[in-house]
Amino acid sequence: MSDNRTGLQGPAPDERPHPDGRRNAQGIRIDPEAESEHEPRRTVFSAIVEDEPGVLSRVAGLAARRQFNIESLTVGPTTVDGHSRITMVVEEPEPGIDQIEKQLAKLKPVISVGELDDDAVRAELVLLKVRGEDPDKVHAITEMYDGRTLDAGPETITVQLSGDERKIDDAVDAFRRFGIIEIARTGQTALAHGSKKTVPGEEPGTSGEPTKPNTNTK
């Protein structure tokens, strides 16, 4: 059969099969059955990167272009001059997590990247500014969560807290009774447990971190 309107061989457009599934931002059709098989999960990536202008914006730009769901992104120095560590918390289905690691490894400033195990040591810091009508009670809650008072006045009290995500969430809930005016959370930073290497190829406490990506990693 041919399409008489165009003279081309084959069925007319309205007779052709139409595949199911939505397209992603890159126009690639996603199999709905394959997509439904993977529930999102939260995980943490750590990457060693070269210190150069715009490295953090490149990582953030990659996440935006690929529409990855990033919950937090932190950066700081390492034991090697000229290198920084980026810690990224993401929530994605398994194929997305795999793509994040692969795409990060392709970025020029990235030296090495790896996903942390569940037993990794994780922590974050939060600053809380609350109303100052009950300073004694605010101080008691601050001590309960091993926090510090950074600023106190007749109208507001600002405290600092640190710990794992559950502890921070519980502390924030406890401070809500006083009226939280402002809050700033750093997001998680993390290191591998014990003697494990946080990033493939990294040598903890030495200047022997890799100077190029480890091609033997997945």
Protein backbone atom coordinates (compact mmCIF):
# COMPACT_ATOMS: atom_id res chain seq x y z
CA MET A 1 0.00 0.00 0.00
CA SER A 2 1.23 3.51 -0.67
CA ASP A 3 0.31 6.91 0.65
CA ASN A 4 -1.50 8.48 -2.34
CA ARG A 5 -0.97 11.99 -0.99
CA THR A 6 2.82 11.72 -1.16
CA GLY A 7 3.40 8.94 -3.66
CA LEU A 8 5.61 7.17 -1.09
CA GLN A 9 5.42 3.46 -0.40
CA GLY A 10 3.98 2.35 2.91
CA PRO A 11 0.87 3.03 5.02
CA ALA A 12 -0.67 6.45 5.45
CA PRO A 13 0.36 8.37 8.59
CA ASP A 14 -2.87 7.59 10.45
CA GLU A 15 -2.40 3.87 9.69
CA ARG A 16 1.17 3.66 10.99
CA PRO A 17 1.89 2.21 14.46
CA HIS A 18 2.57 4.79 17.19
CA PRO A 19 5.04 3.75 19.92
CA ASP A 20 4.10 4.27 23.53
CA GLY A 21 6.17 6.18 26.07
CA ARG A 22 7.10 9.78 26.70
CA ARG A 23 10.21 11.51 25.38
CA ASN A 24 12.82 12.98 27.70
CA ALA A 25 14.39 16.42 27.37
CA GLN A 26 16.81 15.11 24.72
CA GLY A 27 13.92 13.78 22.58
CA ILE A 28 14.71 10.14 23.36
CA ARG A 29 11.62 7.98 23.78
CA ILE A 30 11.47 6.20 27.16
CA ASP A 31 9.97 2.74 27.41
CA PRO A 32 7.20 3.08 30.05
CA GLU A 33 7.62 -0.54 31.19
CA ALA A 34 11.36 -0.13 31.67
CA GLU A 35 10.87 3.20 33.42
CA SER A 36 8.32 1.76 35.86
CA GLU A 37 10.71 -1.00 36.95
CA HIS A 38 13.04 1.45 38.73
CA GLU A 39 11.97 3.30 41.85
CA PRO A 40 13.97 6.44 42.74
CA ARG A 41 16.58 6.08 45.47
CA ARG A 42 18.81 8.58 47.27
CA THR A 43 22.55 8.27 47.06
CA VAL A 44 25.71 10.33 47.47
CA PHE A 45 28.46 10.91 44.91
CA SER A 46 31.90 12.25 45.71
CA ALA A 47 34.13 13.67 42.99
CA ILE A 48 37.71 14.96 43.02
CA VAL A 49 37.98 17.90 40.61
CA GLU A 50 40.66 20.31 39.47
CA ASP A 51 40.40 23.81 40.89
CA GLU A 52 39.55 26.01 37.94
CA PRO A 53 37.02 28.77 37.29
CA GLY A 54 33.50 27.54 36.63
CA VAL A 55 33.95 23.92 37.72
CA LEU A 56 30.94 24.02 40.05
CA SER A 57 28.78 25.69 37.41
CA ARG A 58 29.73 22.96 34.92
CA VAL A 59 28.55 20.27 37.32
CA ALA A 60 25.34 22.18 38.07
CA GLY A 61 24.83 22.81 34.35
CA LEU A 62 25.18 19.12 33.59
CA ALA A 63 22.51 18.32 36.17
CA ALA A 64 20.18 20.98 34.74
CA ARG A 65 20.61 19.84 31.13
CA ARG A 66 20.00 16.20 32.00
CA GLN A 67 17.21 17.06 34.45
CA PHE A 68 18.83 15.10 37.28
CA ASN A 69 17.18 15.54 40.66
CA ILE A 70 19.97 16.95 42.85
CA GLU A 71 19.08 17.58 46.51
CA SER A 72 22.36 19.22 47.55
CA LEU A 73 25.78 20.09 46.16
CA THR A 74 28.80 21.04 48.28
CA VAL A 75 32.43 21.77 47.42
CA GLY A 76 35.60 22.16 49.50
CA PRO A 77 39.38 21.63 49.48
CA THR A 78 41.13 18.27 49.73
CA THR A 79 44.57 17.25 50.99
CA VAL A 80 46.07 18.12 47.58
CA ASP A 81 46.67 21.69 46.45
CA GLY A 82 44.72 22.47 43.30
CA HIS A 83 42.08 19.80 43.92
CA SER A 84 38.60 20.11 45.44
CA ARG A 85 35.99 17.60 46.54
CA ILE A 86 32.41 17.90 45.32
CA THR A 87 29.73 16.01 47.26
CA MET A 88 26.38 15.56 45.54
CA VAL A 89 23.18 14.07 46.97
CA VAL A 90 20.78 12.85 44.29
CA GLU A 91 17.48 11.00 44.07
CA GLU A 92 16.97 9.16 40.80
CA PRO A 93 15.90 5.76 39.44
CA GLU A 94 18.80 3.35 38.95
CA PRO A 95 19.39 4.23 35.26
CA GLY A 96 19.59 7.91 36.19
CA ILE A 97 22.11 7.23 38.97
CA ASP A 98 24.25 5.28 36.52
CA GLN A 99 24.06 8.17 34.02
CA ILE A 100 25.04 10.74 36.63
CA GLU A 101 28.25 8.88 37.41
CA LYS A 102 29.08 8.39 33.73
CA GLN A 103 28.34 11.99 32.75
CA LEU A 104 30.30 13.43 35.69
CA ALA A 105 33.31 11.31 34.73
CA LYS A 106 33.25 12.87 31.25
CA LEU A 107 33.55 16.45 32.50
CA LYS A 108 37.04 17.83 31.89
CA PRO A 109 37.72 19.17 35.42
CA VAL A 110 36.61 15.88 37.05
CA ILE A 111 39.56 13.69 38.03
CA SER A 112 37.62 10.81 39.56
CA VAL A 113 34.09 10.16 40.81
CA GLY A 114 32.41 7.45 42.84
CA GLU A 115 29.17 6.55 44.60
CA LEU A 116 29.47 6.19 48.37
CA ASP A 117 28.37 3.07 50.23
CA ASP A 118 25.50 3.13 52.72
CA ASP A 119 27.93 3.07 55.66
CA ALA A 120 29.65 6.31 54.61
CA VAL A 121 30.16 8.96 57.29
CA ARG A 122 27.78 11.83 56.48
CA ALA A 123 27.13 15.18 58.12
CA GLU A 124 25.76 18.63 57.43
CA LEU A 125 25.59 21.96 59.19
CA VAL A 126 22.58 24.21 59.73
CA LEU A 127 22.12 27.75 61.04
CA LEU A 128 18.75 28.53 62.61
CA LYS A 129 17.43 31.96 63.55
CA VAL A 130 14.45 31.78 65.90
CA ARG A 131 12.42 34.26 67.92
CA GLY A 132 14.04 35.24 71.19
CA GLU A 133 11.06 35.37 73.58
CA ASP A 134 12.11 32.13 75.36
CA PRO A 135 15.93 32.18 75.53
CA ASP A 136 16.17 29.57 78.30
CA LYS A 137 14.07 27.06 76.37
CA VAL A 138 15.97 27.77 73.14
CA HIS A 139 19.24 27.20 75.00
CA ALA A 140 17.95 23.90 76.41
CA ILE A 141 16.99 22.59 72.95
CA THR A 142 20.33 23.78 71.55
CA GLU A 143 22.23 21.81 74.21
CA MET A 144 20.01 18.78 73.64
CA TYR A 145 21.25 18.61 70.03
CA ASP A 146 24.87 19.53 70.86
CA GLY A 147 24.51 22.89 69.16
CA ARG A 148 26.04 26.31 69.76
CA THR A 149 24.49 29.73 70.18
CA LEU A 150 26.16 32.10 67.73
CA ASP A 151 24.10 35.22 68.29
CA ALA A 152 21.51 36.17 70.92
CA GLY A 153 19.42 39.28 71.42
CA PRO A 154 16.03 40.33 72.75
CA GLU A 155 14.33 39.61 69.40
CA THR A 156 16.24 36.73 67.79
CA ILE A 157 18.59 33.87 68.64
CA THR A 158 20.81 32.18 66.03
CA VAL A 159 22.15 28.68 66.70
CA GLN A 160 24.45 26.30 64.86
CA LEU A 161 23.84 22.56 64.65
CA SER A 162 25.70 19.76 62.91
CA GLY A 163 25.20 16.04 62.46
CA ASP A 164 23.60 13.51 60.16
CA GLU A 165 20.43 14.27 58.25
CA ARG A 166 18.07 12.62 60.75
CA LYS A 167 19.52 14.57 63.67
CA ILE A 168 19.26 17.85 61.76
CA ASP A 169 15.66 17.14 60.73
CA ASP A 170 14.70 16.30 64.32
CA ALA A 171 16.40 19.46 65.62
CA VAL A 172 14.63 21.68 63.09
CA ASP A 173 11.29 20.19 64.14
CA ALA A 174 12.13 20.87 67.80
CA PHE A 175 12.94 24.53 67.10
CA ARG A 176 9.69 25.16 65.21
CA ARG A 177 7.87 25.82 68.50
CA PHE A 178 9.88 29.04 68.89
CA GLY A 179 9.14 30.28 65.37
CA ILE A 180 11.91 29.79 62.83
CA ILE A 181 12.65 33.10 61.10
CA GLU A 182 15.46 31.96 58.81
CA ILE A 183 17.32 28.74 58.11
CA ALA A 184 20.43 27.86 56.10
CA ARG A 185 21.54 24.24 55.52
CA THR A 186 24.80 23.29 53.86
CA GLY A 187 23.64 19.96 52.50
CA GLN A 188 25.45 16.71 53.16
CA THR A 189 29.16 16.18 52.91
CA ALA A 190 30.56 12.70 53.29
CA LEU A 191 33.61 10.44 53.42
CA ALA A 192 33.88 6.67 53.09
CA HIS A 193 33.84 4.63 56.28
CA GLY A 194 37.13 3.52 57.82
CA SER A 195 40.05 2.94 55.44
CA LYS A 196 37.88 2.78 52.32
CA LYS A 197 38.68 5.26 49.57
CA THR A 198 35.92 7.81 49.13
CA VAL A 199 36.72 8.20 45.43
CA PRO A 200 38.29 5.49 43.22
CA GLY A 201 42.03 6.05 43.01
CA GLU A 202 42.15 8.52 45.90
CA GLU A 203 44.94 8.13 48.44
CA PRO A 204 43.65 9.50 51.78
CA GLY A 205 46.00 11.80 53.66
CA THR A 206 48.65 11.92 50.93
CA SER A 207 49.49 13.99 47.89
CA GLY A 208 49.05 10.96 45.66
CA GLU A 209 45.52 11.60 44.45
CA PRO A 210 45.04 10.74 40.78
CA THR A 211 45.91 13.38 38.22
CA LYS A 212 43.69 11.90 35.54
CA PRO A 213 40.45 9.90 35.54
CA ASN A 214 40.71 6.22 36.48
CA THR A 215 39.68 4.38 33.31
CA ASN A 216 39.28 1.13 35.21
CA THR A 217 36.21 2.34 37.11
CA LYS A 218 32.72 1.67 35.81
